[in-house]
Amino acid sequence: MTTETVETPVAELKALPVVHEVRHLFRPGTSFKLLLAIENDDNARAAIRVTDALIARGAVPRVIHATELMTPVAGTPDSMMFFAEAVLGEEFHEGLARSLRKLISSTIGRAQPWPVQSVTGEPSFCITQEAQAQNSELLVMGIHRHGAFEQAIGENTATRVMAKAAVPVLGVRPALSGLPRRIMVATDFGNASREAAHLAANLADPGGSVILVHASLPTPIVEEGDEGAALIQREGIEHAFLHLTNEISEGKSIQVETVCRTGDAGAQLMAAAALVSPDLIAIASQRHHLITRLILGSVTRKLVREGSWSMLITPPVGSY
């Protein structure tokens, strides 16, 4: 394993092709629709505080809570689910909405006019469907830290939402109580991770730090259509870092650092995070080609299941 950390100077380089359809999240003077998904857990207050802080960056929040009555088995009649919904009734949902409003006001010290919705159903499905219906541009929710057994056996609401959502998901740990100032970005220099870096820079500006981390196998695989690996092969890792640093720092007062590691991507990114202690890790969620997927596994899933850091997961634009 090799590790290198440097502050990257801005240099005159030939610009890379423009990343098309970069999301406008966190840019000064713009607004975006935010959906805050609240669960009954210790991370709810942290997610509320981050949502409140994001208003200064243009967020227009609304809130959803999904109550799961049962896990239907295959062949469960729809009428049974409708019956369960009827048993709860409007009074249940209205009461829960009032409780959520009290939780929000007690957390941030004042009432907020955020629309609050209580629904019944499998939470990850309800959350992603509501995000799509409302044209939400960012999902915010709490994430948990899991032990080895929990990591091995399955998913939770946050990991399911991050796998399904077509918009960026900001998963919040209790340690993050406001806007992150030190953001680590996992990058392979492809278009998807370049967009993640742009969003991180928007969020860190002004005065924050962005740490670009690249982890590669000892013998990298360059597949057709892998623009990031092709760039590294063509120009070298130092120029790849310089290209990306120039892109994300233009017009911003942020500090950009770079870290290069060799080995299993998931393990090396977690090791890098332990060293740089970021407030937030930003990583693109994308479908890899078969060979790369078999070797690397799901890097995003590893980081999310570890649950040690707040995470910004950015899926490809136009995933709906």
Protein backbone atom coordinates (compact mmCIF):
# COMPACT_ATOMS: atom_id res chain seq x y z
CA MET A 1 0.00 0.00 0.00
CA THR A 2 1.24 3.47 -0.81
CA THR A 3 -0.15 6.73 0.45
CA GLU A 4 0.55 10.26 -0.69
CA THR A 5 -1.02 13.44 0.63
CA VAL A 6 -0.27 16.81 -0.93
CA GLU A 7 -1.86 20.21 -1.31
CA THR A 8 -2.46 20.53 -5.02
CA PRO A 9 -1.50 23.85 -6.65
CA VAL A 10 -3.61 25.30 -9.43
CA ALA A 11 -1.89 24.87 -12.79
CA GLU A 12 -2.65 25.71 -16.38
CA LEU A 13 -3.96 22.51 -17.94
CA LYS A 14 -6.06 21.66 -20.92
CA ALA A 15 -9.64 21.55 -19.68
CA LEU A 16 -11.46 18.24 -19.53
CA PRO A 17 -14.77 17.82 -21.35
CA VAL A 18 -17.58 19.55 -19.47
CA VAL A 19 -19.58 17.33 -17.13
CA HIS A 20 -23.07 17.63 -18.58
CA GLU A 21 -26.11 18.17 -16.37
CA VAL A 22 -24.22 18.84 -13.16
CA ARG A 23 -26.75 19.31 -10.39
CA HIS A 24 -27.01 22.84 -9.05
CA LEU A 25 -27.16 21.82 -5.38
CA PHE A 26 -25.61 24.16 -2.81
CA ARG A 27 -24.72 26.88 -5.33
CA PRO A 28 -25.14 30.49 -4.12
CA GLY A 29 -28.35 32.10 -5.31
CA THR A 30 -30.11 28.84 -6.20
CA SER A 31 -32.81 26.86 -4.44
CA PHE A 32 -33.57 23.15 -4.38
CA LYS A 33 -36.25 20.85 -2.99
CA LEU A 34 -35.13 18.79 0.00
CA LEU A 35 -36.96 15.79 1.43
CA LEU A 36 -36.09 15.00 5.07
CA ALA A 37 -36.91 11.40 6.00
CA ILE A 38 -37.25 11.04 9.78
CA GLU A 39 -37.10 7.71 11.55
CA ASN A 40 -37.52 6.97 15.25
CA ASP A 41 -33.82 6.87 16.04
CA ASP A 42 -31.00 8.80 17.63
CA ASN A 43 -29.95 10.30 14.30
CA ALA A 44 -33.19 12.20 13.70
CA ARG A 45 -32.09 15.36 15.52
CA ALA A 46 -28.78 15.50 13.64
CA ALA A 47 -30.62 15.16 10.32
CA ILE A 48 -32.99 17.95 11.35
CA ARG A 49 -30.10 20.27 12.28
CA VAL A 50 -28.34 19.64 8.98
CA THR A 51 -31.57 20.27 7.09
CA ASP A 52 -32.02 23.56 8.92
CA ALA A 53 -28.43 24.57 8.09
CA LEU A 54 -28.97 23.74 4.42
CA ILE A 55 -31.71 26.38 4.19
CA ALA A 56 -28.86 28.91 4.00
CA ARG A 57 -27.70 27.02 0.88
CA GLY A 58 -31.10 27.19 -0.81
CA ALA A 59 -32.89 24.16 0.61
CA VAL A 60 -36.69 24.16 0.62
CA PRO A 61 -37.50 21.28 3.00
CA ARG A 62 -40.45 18.98 3.43
CA VAL A 63 -40.63 16.02 5.83
CA ILE A 64 -41.78 12.41 5.55
CA HIS A 65 -42.11 9.60 8.06
CA ALA A 66 -43.08 6.08 6.97
CA THR A 67 -44.62 3.59 9.38
CA GLU A 68 -44.12 -0.05 8.43
CA LEU A 69 -46.87 -2.21 9.90
CA MET A 70 -45.70 -5.51 8.52
CA THR A 71 -43.46 -7.07 5.94
CA PRO A 72 -45.91 -8.59 3.45
CA VAL A 73 -45.11 -12.07 2.22
CA ALA A 74 -45.45 -12.97 -1.43
CA GLY A 75 -49.08 -13.08 -2.43
CA THR A 76 -50.38 -10.86 0.37
CA PRO A 77 -53.68 -9.40 -0.89
CA ASP A 78 -53.74 -5.65 -1.42
CA SER A 79 -56.94 -5.58 0.65
CA MET A 80 -54.95 -6.57 3.75
CA MET A 81 -52.65 -3.60 3.32
CA PHE A 82 -55.61 -1.28 2.74
CA PHE A 83 -57.20 -2.68 5.91
CA ALA A 84 -54.05 -2.00 7.91
CA GLU A 85 -54.01 1.56 6.60
CA ALA A 86 -57.66 2.00 7.56
CA VAL A 87 -57.03 0.74 11.10
CA LEU A 88 -54.49 3.50 11.66
CA GLY A 89 -56.66 6.18 10.11
CA GLU A 90 -56.16 9.91 9.73
CA GLU A 91 -56.00 10.50 13.48
CA PHE A 92 -52.85 8.37 13.76
CA HIS A 93 -51.10 10.20 10.93
CA GLU A 94 -52.16 13.63 12.20
CA GLY A 95 -50.87 12.78 15.67
CA LEU A 96 -47.57 11.57 14.29
CA ALA A 97 -47.21 14.70 12.16
CA ARG A 98 -47.75 16.83 15.27
CA SER A 99 -45.07 14.85 17.11
CA LEU A 100 -42.65 15.37 14.23
CA ARG A 101 -43.29 19.12 14.22
CA LYS A 102 -42.59 19.21 17.98
CA LEU A 103 -39.38 17.25 17.45
CA ILE A 104 -38.28 19.70 14.76
CA SER A 105 -39.06 22.80 16.84
CA SER A 106 -37.43 21.39 19.99
CA THR A 107 -34.31 20.43 18.02
CA ILE A 108 -33.66 23.77 16.36
CA GLY A 109 -35.34 26.02 18.92
CA ARG A 110 -38.10 27.38 16.74
CA ALA A 111 -41.06 26.22 14.68
CA GLN A 112 -40.53 25.66 10.97
CA PRO A 113 -43.19 25.78 8.24
CA TRP A 114 -41.90 22.56 6.66
CA PRO A 115 -44.72 20.40 5.27
CA VAL A 116 -44.86 17.13 7.24
CA GLN A 117 -46.32 13.89 5.89
CA SER A 118 -46.94 10.59 7.66
CA VAL A 119 -47.47 7.52 5.47
CA THR A 120 -47.77 3.77 5.85
CA GLY A 121 -45.64 1.30 3.95
CA GLU A 122 -42.14 -0.05 3.44
CA PRO A 123 -40.02 3.00 4.33
CA SER A 124 -37.45 2.98 1.53
CA PHE A 125 -40.18 2.58 -1.09
CA CYS A 126 -42.31 5.35 0.43
CA ILE A 127 -39.35 7.73 0.74
CA THR A 128 -38.07 7.25 -2.81
CA GLN A 129 -41.59 7.44 -4.26
CA GLU A 130 -42.29 10.68 -2.41
CA ALA A 131 -38.97 12.12 -3.58
CA GLN A 132 -39.91 11.35 -7.16
CA ALA A 133 -43.47 12.65 -6.78
CA GLN A 134 -42.27 15.94 -5.28
CA ASN A 135 -39.33 16.32 -7.69
CA SER A 136 -37.04 16.46 -4.68
CA GLU A 137 -33.40 17.18 -5.49
CA LEU A 138 -31.84 16.00 -2.23
CA LEU A 139 -32.81 13.39 0.38
CA VAL A 140 -31.60 13.81 3.96
CA MET A 141 -31.83 11.06 6.58
CA GLY A 142 -29.95 9.57 9.50
CA ILE A 143 -27.61 6.62 9.09
CA HIS A 144 -26.46 4.07 11.66
CA ARG A 145 -23.17 2.46 12.48
CA HIS A 146 -23.41 -1.33 12.21
CA GLY A 147 -21.48 -4.17 13.74
CA ALA A 148 -19.89 -6.89 11.62
CA PHE A 149 -22.92 -9.17 11.95
CA GLU A 150 -25.38 -6.50 10.87
CA GLN A 151 -23.14 -5.53 7.95
CA ALA A 152 -23.08 -9.13 6.77
CA ILE A 153 -26.76 -10.06 6.97
CA GLY A 154 -28.61 -7.29 5.24
CA GLU A 155 -29.85 -3.77 4.64
CA ASN A 156 -31.60 -1.03 6.53
CA THR A 157 -33.74 1.88 5.42
CA ALA A 158 -30.80 4.18 4.64
CA THR A 159 -28.90 1.64 2.54
CA ARG A 160 -32.07 0.73 0.65
CA VAL A 161 -32.87 4.38 -0.05
CA MET A 162 -29.32 5.05 -1.22
CA ALA A 163 -29.55 2.08 -3.57
CA LYS A 164 -32.92 3.14 -5.02
CA ALA A 165 -32.90 6.94 -5.01
CA ALA A 166 -32.40 8.83 -8.26
CA VAL A 167 -31.26 11.97 -6.42
CA PRO A 168 -28.34 12.57 -4.03
CA VAL A 169 -28.82 11.21 -0.51
CA LEU A 170 -27.19 12.91 2.46
CA GLY A 171 -26.90 10.34 5.25
CA VAL A 172 -26.25 12.04 8.58
CA ARG A 173 -24.41 10.69 11.63
CA PRO A 174 -24.93 12.35 15.06
CA ALA A 175 -21.49 14.00 14.96
CA LEU A 176 -22.60 16.24 12.07
CA SER A 177 -24.76 19.00 13.48
CA GLY A 178 -24.45 21.62 10.73
CA LEU A 179 -22.80 22.18 7.39
CA PRO A 180 -19.68 20.04 6.86
CA ARG A 181 -16.40 21.93 6.60
CA ARG A 182 -14.06 19.06 5.77
CA ILE A 183 -15.33 16.83 2.96
CA MET A 184 -13.59 13.77 1.57
CA VAL A 185 -14.44 12.83 -2.02
CA ALA A 186 -13.83 9.34 -3.35
CA THR A 187 -12.90 9.82 -7.00
CA ASP A 188 -12.00 7.68 -9.99
CA PHE A 189 -11.91 10.86 -12.15
CA GLY A 190 -14.90 9.73 -14.20
CA ASN A 191 -17.85 12.03 -14.87
CA ALA A 192 -19.94 10.71 -11.97
CA SER A 193 -17.22 11.22 -9.37
CA ARG A 194 -16.34 14.60 -10.87
CA GLU A 195 -19.90 15.70 -10.21
CA ALA A 196 -19.63 14.43 -6.63
CA ALA A 197 -16.50 16.56 -6.25
CA HIS A 198 -18.30 19.63 -7.61
CA LEU A 199 -21.15 19.17 -5.11
CA ALA A 200 -18.64 18.75 -2.28
CA ALA A 201 -16.85 21.94 -3.31
CA ASN A 202 -20.15 23.85 -3.45
CA LEU A 203 -20.99 22.64 0.04
CA ALA A 204 -17.53 23.36 1.51
CA ASP A 205 -17.32 26.88 0.06
CA PRO A 206 -16.40 29.30 1.53
CA GLY A 207 -13.42 28.42 3.69
CA GLY A 208 -13.83 24.66 3.84
CA SER A 209 -11.60 21.81 2.71
CA VAL A 210 -12.10 19.14 0.06
CA ILE A 211 -9.88 16.06 0.18
CA LEU A 212 -9.82 14.15 -3.11
CA VAL A 213 -9.02 10.46 -2.54
CA HIS A 214 -8.24 7.99 -5.31
CA ALA A 215 -7.82 4.29 -4.57
CA SER A 216 -6.69 1.91 -7.29
CA LEU A 217 -5.67 -1.70 -7.71
CA PRO A 218 -1.94 -2.40 -8.11
CA THR A 219 -2.68 -3.22 -11.76
CA PRO A 220 -5.60 -0.95 -12.76
CA ILE A 221 -8.19 -2.22 -15.21
CA VAL A 222 -9.06 0.16 -18.05
CA GLU A 223 -12.38 -0.78 -19.59
CA GLU A 224 -14.10 0.71 -22.62
CA GLY A 225 -16.04 3.81 -21.59
CA ASP A 226 -14.10 4.26 -18.32
CA GLU A 227 -13.13 7.90 -18.82
CA GLY A 228 -11.43 8.23 -15.43
CA ALA A 229 -9.06 5.29 -15.87
CA ALA A 230 -8.33 6.42 -19.43
CA LEU A 231 -7.38 9.89 -18.16
CA ILE A 232 -4.99 8.44 -15.57
CA GLN A 233 -3.43 6.16 -18.17
CA ARG A 234 -3.06 9.04 -20.64
CA GLU A 235 -1.83 11.83 -18.36
CA GLY A 236 -0.89 10.26 -15.03
CA ILE A 237 -2.41 10.55 -11.57
CA GLU A 238 -0.84 13.93 -10.77
CA HIS A 239 -2.35 15.61 -13.80
CA ALA A 240 -5.69 13.93 -13.14
CA PHE A 241 -5.69 15.46 -9.64
CA LEU A 242 -4.69 18.86 -11.07
CA HIS A 243 -7.50 18.79 -13.63
CA LEU A 244 -10.10 18.03 -10.96
CA THR A 245 -8.66 20.51 -8.46
CA ASN A 246 -8.82 23.30 -11.03
CA GLU A 247 -12.40 22.42 -11.91
CA ILE A 248 -13.85 22.39 -8.41
CA SER A 249 -11.85 25.30 -6.95
CA GLU A 250 -12.60 27.83 -9.69
CA GLY A 251 -14.28 30.86 -8.16
CA LYS A 252 -14.26 29.34 -4.66
CA SER A 253 -12.26 29.93 -1.50
CA ILE A 254 -11.64 26.30 -0.57
CA GLN A 255 -8.55 24.27 0.22
CA VAL A 256 -8.06 21.14 -1.90
CA GLU A 257 -5.87 18.24 -0.80
CA THR A 258 -5.19 14.96 -2.60
CA VAL A 259 -4.59 11.43 -1.39
CA CYS A 260 -3.61 8.45 -3.54
CA ARG A 261 -3.80 4.90 -2.17
CA THR A 262 -3.25 1.45 -3.65
CA GLY A 263 -5.28 -1.64 -2.81
CA ASP A 264 -8.90 -2.68 -2.36
CA ALA A 265 -10.97 0.45 -2.98
CA GLY A 266 -13.38 -0.01 -0.08
CA ALA A 267 -10.70 -0.83 2.46
CA GLN A 268 -8.39 1.97 1.29
CA LEU A 269 -11.13 4.59 1.32
CA MET A 270 -12.10 3.62 4.86
CA ALA A 271 -8.44 3.78 5.89
CA ALA A 272 -8.09 7.21 4.27
CA ALA A 273 -11.22 8.43 6.07
CA ALA A 274 -9.79 7.27 9.39
CA LEU A 275 -6.66 9.34 8.69
CA VAL A 276 -8.23 12.56 7.39
CA SER A 277 -11.27 12.58 9.76
CA PRO A 278 -13.79 14.17 7.38
CA ASP A 279 -17.12 15.62 8.43
CA LEU A 280 -18.61 14.05 5.31
CA ILE A 281 -17.66 11.57 2.58
CA ALA A 282 -18.99 12.21 -0.93
CA ILE A 283 -19.04 9.33 -3.40
CA ALA A 284 -20.77 8.66 -6.70
CA SER A 285 -23.07 5.67 -6.89
CA GLN A 286 -22.87 4.16 -10.34
CA ARG A 287 -23.13 0.86 -12.17
CA HIS A 288 -19.73 -0.58 -12.85
CA HIS A 289 -18.85 -2.88 -15.68
CA LEU A 290 -18.93 -6.57 -14.77
CA ILE A 291 -15.16 -7.15 -14.42
CA THR A 292 -14.60 -4.11 -12.23
CA ARG A 293 -17.64 -4.93 -10.10
CA LEU A 294 -16.44 -8.47 -9.45
CA ILE A 295 -13.03 -7.21 -8.30
CA LEU A 296 -13.97 -4.06 -6.40
CA GLY A 297 -17.33 -5.06 -5.01
CA SER A 298 -19.72 -2.26 -4.02
CA VAL A 299 -17.45 0.43 -2.60
CA THR A 300 -20.37 2.71 -1.78
CA ARG A 301 -22.18 -0.09 0.05
CA LYS A 302 -19.08 -0.85 2.15
CA LEU A 303 -18.76 2.75 3.28
CA VAL A 304 -22.47 3.14 4.03
CA ARG A 305 -22.70 -0.14 5.94
CA GLU A 306 -19.67 0.82 8.00
CA GLY A 307 -21.73 3.82 9.13
CA SER A 308 -18.84 5.69 10.74
CA TRP A 309 -19.17 8.84 8.63
CA SER A 310 -21.88 11.05 7.26
CA MET A 311 -22.22 10.30 3.55
CA LEU A 312 -23.31 12.15 0.40
CA ILE A 313 -24.24 9.55 -2.22
CA THR A 314 -24.72 10.93 -5.74
CA PRO A 315 -26.40 8.70 -8.35
CA PRO A 316 -26.08 9.39 -12.08
CA VAL A 317 -28.12 12.32 -13.37
CA GLY A 318 -31.40 11.22 -14.94
CA SER A 319 -31.77 7.98 -12.97
CA TYR A 320 -35.57 8.17 -12.77
